[in-house]
Amino acid sequence: MAQFRLDVAEWTVLRRALLSRVPRAVTPVGFAPEAFGLDPDDPLTPVERARAWASLQLRGLATHTPERDDVTGLTPSCVLGMLMLLESDVRVDVSSWSGDVVVNEAVAWSAGRTAALARRRRMVRSPGGETVLEQEPVVEISLSAAGGLLAQVMRALPHHVGGRPADRSPVRVGWPESAAIAQALRLGREDVALHLSGLPASALSVLGAVSTDLTGGACVSAARRHDDGALAFHGVWLWTEADVVELVDATTHGVTLRRTDLMRVRNGLLTALTGLLNAEEVL
């Protein structure tokens, strides 16, 4: 497996080079220049662009600085691995938060190979008392020629868990805040992880959760390229200090929650992703 931590300028020129190869493609949500506060049409100065290409050469991802940001400046292995993010057979998008760290990750799979993009932001309090996301100026890239789709997705989820819950019966929760969060999840907003933290503690107490203080959450969506963009899988979970809670269903009037555990989360993802991949492929 190859792993890189690119700064925003390096990622920006790499992204534009890849898009020159597949003009109608789009990169995963949350990784366009405007997501980093840059101008979408002219994100870098000439000096920043030259420095970014020089850095990619030092990393072994580029051979030279091209006149325009296109794939002629990238190494063949870089193009082969990174184009999966635009033309993958299966794409999985993860939005999660744990403590004050928010993670957005896109994982792509094709023919047994996996590529992943991830960015992290930190929830901080502004002088006015509002919660804002402070950007980490890094994009993490992972390329693997040996599969590893499930393992890559699991790495983006919160890991703290308690004991196994005694009761997994679904419970209907009718708070408007819950429905608003569910709507944000279904819209696929990149800041969905932040919305998860707004679920009222009373919603978890109805479940008999040991702790009602939310410590993390995750939303995972997966789709095949040839399914006209239709979601093949969509899962939402919340973490407390001792439980994992699953969002089972949502309407305009409320949501249905169910206690679960990390093993069941993993098994659910395994089942869903196995259905999207060829049966003989190893996750």
Protein backbone atom coordinates (compact mmCIF):
# COMPACT_ATOMS: atom_id res chain seq x y z
CA MET A 1 0.00 0.00 0.00
CA ALA A 2 1.19 3.52 -0.84
CA GLN A 3 0.12 6.45 1.34
CA PHE A 4 0.65 10.17 0.81
CA ARG A 5 -0.23 13.33 2.72
CA LEU A 6 -0.56 16.15 0.19
CA ASP A 7 -1.06 19.78 1.03
CA VAL A 8 -4.02 21.55 -0.56
CA ALA A 9 -1.96 23.02 -3.42
CA GLU A 10 -0.49 19.62 -4.33
CA TRP A 11 -3.93 18.01 -4.28
CA THR A 12 -5.39 20.87 -6.35
CA VAL A 13 -2.96 20.48 -9.28
CA LEU A 14 -3.20 16.68 -9.08
CA ARG A 15 -7.00 16.89 -9.18
CA ARG A 16 -7.02 19.24 -12.18
CA ALA A 17 -4.58 16.98 -14.02
CA LEU A 18 -6.82 13.96 -13.46
CA LEU A 19 -9.93 15.84 -14.58
CA SER A 20 -8.17 16.76 -17.84
CA ARG A 21 -8.16 13.04 -18.63
CA VAL A 22 -11.88 12.59 -17.84
CA PRO A 23 -13.42 16.04 -18.50
CA ARG A 24 -17.01 15.16 -17.49
CA ALA A 25 -16.03 13.45 -14.26
CA VAL A 26 -16.25 15.01 -10.81
CA THR A 27 -14.13 14.36 -7.76
CA PRO A 28 -15.81 13.26 -4.52
CA VAL A 29 -17.86 15.81 -2.59
CA GLY A 30 -15.76 17.90 -0.25
CA PHE A 31 -12.53 17.71 -2.26
CA ALA A 32 -13.08 20.48 -4.84
CA PRO A 33 -11.08 23.76 -4.49
CA GLU A 34 -14.06 25.65 -3.05
CA ALA A 35 -14.25 23.12 -0.18
CA PHE A 36 -10.81 24.43 0.87
CA GLY A 37 -11.77 28.09 0.46
CA LEU A 38 -10.12 28.43 -2.99
CA ASP A 39 -11.43 29.96 -6.20
CA PRO A 40 -12.83 27.06 -8.31
CA ASP A 41 -11.55 28.54 -11.61
CA ASP A 42 -8.22 30.02 -10.52
CA PRO A 43 -7.29 28.38 -7.21
CA LEU A 44 -3.50 28.88 -7.20
CA THR A 45 -0.99 31.57 -8.12
CA PRO A 46 1.74 30.65 -10.66
CA VAL A 47 4.25 30.40 -7.81
CA GLU A 48 1.98 28.10 -5.77
CA ARG A 49 1.32 25.95 -8.84
CA ALA A 50 5.04 25.56 -9.64
CA ARG A 51 5.85 24.68 -6.04
CA ALA A 52 3.03 22.09 -5.96
CA TRP A 53 4.27 20.34 -9.10
CA ALA A 54 7.84 20.34 -7.77
CA SER A 55 6.60 18.70 -4.56
CA LEU A 56 4.72 16.02 -6.53
CA GLN A 57 7.96 15.24 -8.38
CA LEU A 58 9.81 14.79 -5.09
CA ARG A 59 7.07 12.35 -3.99
CA GLY A 60 7.44 10.32 -7.19
CA LEU A 61 3.95 11.22 -8.41
CA ALA A 62 5.04 13.56 -11.22
CA THR A 63 7.81 13.62 -13.81
CA HIS A 64 7.88 17.35 -14.62
CA THR A 65 5.83 20.53 -14.48
CA PRO A 66 3.53 20.58 -17.53
CA GLU A 67 2.48 23.78 -19.28
CA ARG A 68 -1.08 23.04 -18.22
CA ASP A 69 -2.35 20.92 -15.34
CA ASP A 70 -2.83 17.64 -17.21
CA VAL A 71 -1.81 14.00 -16.88
CA THR A 72 1.30 14.43 -19.04
CA GLY A 73 3.07 15.64 -15.92
CA LEU A 74 2.06 12.65 -13.76
CA THR A 75 3.75 9.26 -13.55
CA PRO A 76 1.82 6.37 -15.18
CA SER A 77 1.39 4.61 -11.83
CA CYS A 78 -0.07 7.76 -10.27
CA VAL A 79 -2.55 8.15 -13.14
CA LEU A 80 -3.55 4.48 -12.95
CA GLY A 81 -4.20 4.61 -9.21
CA MET A 82 -5.82 8.03 -8.94
CA LEU A 83 -8.16 7.71 -11.93
CA MET A 84 -10.02 5.08 -9.91
CA LEU A 85 -11.49 7.93 -7.88
CA LEU A 86 -13.21 9.16 -11.04
CA GLU A 87 -14.00 5.86 -12.78
CA SER A 88 -14.32 3.27 -10.02
CA ASP A 89 -16.68 0.29 -10.15
CA VAL A 90 -17.75 0.95 -6.54
CA ARG A 91 -17.51 4.18 -4.51
CA VAL A 92 -18.01 4.45 -0.76
CA ASP A 93 -18.37 7.84 0.95
CA VAL A 94 -17.85 8.17 4.70
CA SER A 95 -18.69 11.15 6.91
CA SER A 96 -17.79 10.66 10.57
CA TRP A 97 -16.86 12.50 13.72
CA SER A 98 -15.17 11.47 16.94
CA GLY A 99 -14.58 13.93 19.74
CA ASP A 100 -13.83 17.21 17.98
CA VAL A 101 -12.44 15.69 14.74
CA VAL A 102 -14.58 15.38 11.60
CA VAL A 103 -13.49 13.02 8.80
CA ASN A 104 -14.69 12.94 5.20
CA GLU A 105 -13.42 10.02 3.14
CA ALA A 106 -14.10 8.67 -0.34
CA VAL A 107 -13.00 5.09 -1.09
CA ALA A 108 -12.97 3.72 -4.64
CA TRP A 109 -12.68 0.09 -5.74
CA SER A 110 -12.01 -1.41 -9.18
CA ALA A 111 -10.75 -4.86 -10.17
CA GLY A 112 -9.40 -5.62 -6.70
CA ARG A 113 -7.57 -2.29 -6.30
CA THR A 114 -8.52 0.42 -3.80
CA ALA A 115 -7.91 4.17 -3.73
CA ALA A 116 -8.99 6.52 -0.95
CA LEU A 117 -9.11 10.26 -0.25
CA ALA A 118 -9.55 11.62 3.25
CA ARG A 119 -9.60 15.05 4.88
CA ARG A 120 -9.95 16.00 8.53
CA ARG A 121 -11.38 19.07 10.17
CA ARG A 122 -11.59 20.09 13.81
CA MET A 123 -14.71 21.45 15.52
CA VAL A 124 -13.81 24.63 17.40
CA ARG A 125 -15.78 27.35 19.13
CA SER A 126 -15.78 30.75 17.46
CA PRO A 127 -15.55 33.95 19.55
CA GLY A 128 -19.32 34.20 19.13
CA GLY A 129 -19.84 30.77 20.68
CA GLU A 130 -20.78 28.99 17.43
CA THR A 131 -19.23 25.69 16.39
CA VAL A 132 -17.15 25.98 13.21
CA LEU A 133 -14.96 23.52 11.30
CA GLU A 134 -11.27 24.37 11.19
CA GLN A 135 -9.64 22.88 8.09
CA GLU A 136 -6.51 20.72 8.34
CA PRO A 137 -4.51 21.71 5.22
CA VAL A 138 -3.84 18.09 4.25
CA VAL A 139 -5.44 15.53 1.92
CA GLU A 140 -4.55 11.92 2.70
CA ILE A 141 -4.29 9.51 -0.24
CA SER A 142 -4.06 5.73 0.00
CA LEU A 143 -3.50 3.39 -2.96
CA SER A 144 -3.60 -0.39 -2.66
CA ALA A 145 -3.29 -3.12 -5.27
CA ALA A 146 -4.63 -5.78 -2.86
CA GLY A 147 -8.21 -4.72 -2.21
CA GLY A 148 -8.84 -3.65 1.37
CA LEU A 149 -12.09 -1.77 0.75
CA LEU A 150 -13.74 -2.75 4.04
CA ALA A 151 -10.58 -2.11 6.08
CA GLN A 152 -10.25 1.37 4.55
CA VAL A 153 -13.88 2.23 5.37
CA MET A 154 -13.56 0.94 8.95
CA ARG A 155 -10.50 3.14 9.55
CA ALA A 156 -12.67 6.23 9.08
CA LEU A 157 -15.21 5.20 11.74
CA PRO A 158 -15.03 5.95 15.49
CA HIS A 159 -13.50 3.00 17.35
CA HIS A 160 -14.45 3.49 21.00
CA VAL A 161 -17.08 0.98 22.10
CA GLY A 162 -18.46 -0.43 25.33
CA GLY A 163 -20.12 -3.74 26.16
CA ARG A 164 -22.72 -5.50 24.04
CA PRO A 165 -26.22 -4.01 24.39
CA ALA A 166 -28.88 -6.23 25.93
CA ASP A 167 -31.83 -4.97 23.85
CA ARG A 168 -31.71 -4.23 20.11
CA SER A 169 -35.43 -3.53 19.64
CA PRO A 170 -36.05 -0.49 17.40
CA VAL A 171 -37.44 2.62 19.12
CA ARG A 172 -39.28 5.45 17.38
CA VAL A 173 -38.07 8.94 18.30
CA GLY A 174 -40.20 11.90 17.24
CA TRP A 175 -38.00 14.90 17.96
CA PRO A 176 -37.83 17.48 15.13
CA GLU A 177 -34.07 17.69 15.61
CA SER A 178 -33.77 14.01 14.78
CA ALA A 179 -35.74 14.40 11.57
CA ALA A 180 -33.62 17.40 10.56
CA ILE A 181 -30.46 15.36 11.07
CA ALA A 182 -31.91 12.49 9.06
CA GLN A 183 -32.73 14.87 6.23
CA ALA A 184 -29.17 16.21 6.21
CA LEU A 185 -27.90 12.63 6.04
CA ARG A 186 -30.13 11.76 3.11
CA LEU A 187 -29.04 14.86 1.22
CA GLY A 188 -25.44 13.68 1.50
CA ARG A 189 -24.15 16.97 2.86
CA GLU A 190 -20.41 16.89 3.45
CA ASP A 191 -20.88 18.45 6.89
CA VAL A 192 -23.31 15.72 7.89
CA ALA A 193 -20.97 14.49 10.63
CA LEU A 194 -21.39 17.80 12.42
CA HIS A 195 -25.19 17.49 12.26
CA LEU A 196 -25.02 14.09 13.94
CA SER A 197 -23.74 15.74 17.10
CA GLY A 198 -27.05 17.61 17.46
CA LEU A 199 -29.22 14.60 18.28
CA PRO A 200 -30.88 15.26 21.65
CA ALA A 201 -29.72 13.07 24.53
CA SER A 202 -33.35 12.26 25.29
CA ALA A 203 -33.48 10.30 22.02
CA LEU A 204 -30.81 7.93 23.32
CA SER A 205 -32.30 7.64 26.79
CA VAL A 206 -35.48 6.24 25.22
CA LEU A 207 -33.32 3.35 24.00
CA GLY A 208 -32.03 2.67 27.49
CA ALA A 209 -28.52 3.53 26.41
CA VAL A 210 -25.96 3.31 29.21
CA SER A 211 -24.64 6.76 28.30
CA THR A 212 -26.54 9.51 26.50
CA ASP A 213 -23.48 11.69 25.77
CA LEU A 214 -22.67 11.41 22.07
CA THR A 215 -18.97 10.87 21.39
CA GLY A 216 -19.03 10.09 17.67
CA GLY A 217 -21.09 9.34 14.59
CA ALA A 218 -20.74 8.07 11.04
CA CYS A 219 -22.66 8.02 7.76
CA VAL A 220 -21.61 5.54 5.03
CA SER A 221 -23.03 5.51 1.49
CA ALA A 222 -22.02 3.17 -1.32
CA ALA A 223 -22.97 2.88 -4.99
CA ARG A 224 -21.94 1.16 -8.20
CA ARG A 225 -20.84 3.28 -11.16
CA HIS A 226 -23.34 1.69 -13.54
CA ASP A 227 -26.39 2.11 -11.30
CA ASP A 228 -27.20 5.64 -12.52
CA GLY A 229 -26.04 7.11 -9.23
CA ALA A 230 -28.61 5.23 -7.14
CA LEU A 231 -27.43 4.37 -3.64
CA ALA A 232 -26.90 0.68 -3.12
CA PHE A 233 -26.23 1.11 0.62
CA HIS A 234 -26.76 3.83 3.20
CA GLY A 235 -25.97 3.43 6.90
CA VAL A 236 -25.90 5.83 9.85
CA TRP A 237 -24.59 5.16 13.36
CA LEU A 238 -24.03 7.14 16.55
CA TRP A 239 -21.51 6.39 19.31
CA THR A 240 -21.73 7.00 23.04
CA GLU A 241 -19.14 5.95 25.62
CA ALA A 242 -20.79 2.54 26.00
CA ASP A 243 -23.06 1.98 22.98
CA VAL A 244 -23.40 2.16 19.24
CA VAL A 245 -26.82 3.30 18.02
CA GLU A 246 -28.08 2.71 14.47
CA LEU A 247 -30.42 5.02 12.57
CA VAL A 248 -32.86 2.49 11.09
CA ASP A 249 -35.40 4.73 9.37
CA ALA A 250 -36.37 8.39 9.05
CA THR A 251 -39.48 10.38 8.08
CA THR A 252 -40.45 14.02 8.38
CA HIS A 253 -41.86 13.26 11.84
CA GLY A 254 -38.92 11.46 13.43
CA VAL A 255 -36.45 8.63 13.26
CA THR A 256 -36.22 5.01 14.36
CA LEU A 257 -33.11 4.07 16.35
CA ARG A 258 -31.70 0.70 17.44
CA ARG A 259 -28.82 -0.20 19.74
CA THR A 260 -26.08 -2.28 18.15
CA ASP A 261 -22.30 -2.78 18.46
CA LEU A 262 -19.16 -2.28 16.36
CA MET A 263 -19.02 -5.94 15.27
CA ARG A 264 -22.52 -5.73 13.86
CA VAL A 265 -21.62 -2.47 12.12
CA ARG A 266 -18.66 -4.20 10.49
CA ASN A 267 -20.70 -7.26 9.52
CA GLY A 268 -23.39 -5.04 8.01
CA LEU A 269 -20.81 -3.21 5.93
CA LEU A 270 -19.22 -6.51 4.91
CA THR A 271 -22.57 -7.86 3.69
CA ALA A 272 -23.40 -4.66 1.80
CA LEU A 273 -20.00 -4.31 0.14
CA THR A 274 -19.80 -8.01 -0.76
CA GLY A 275 -23.06 -7.56 -2.63
CA LEU A 276 -21.49 -4.71 -4.62
CA LEU A 277 -18.28 -6.53 -5.50
CA ASN A 278 -17.57 -9.73 -7.36
CA ALA A 279 -18.08 -12.66 -4.98
CA GLU A 280 -14.54 -13.91 -5.43
CA GLU A 281 -12.89 -10.64 -4.45
CA VAL A 282 -11.41 -10.34 -0.97
CA LEU A 283 -12.39 -7.30 1.09
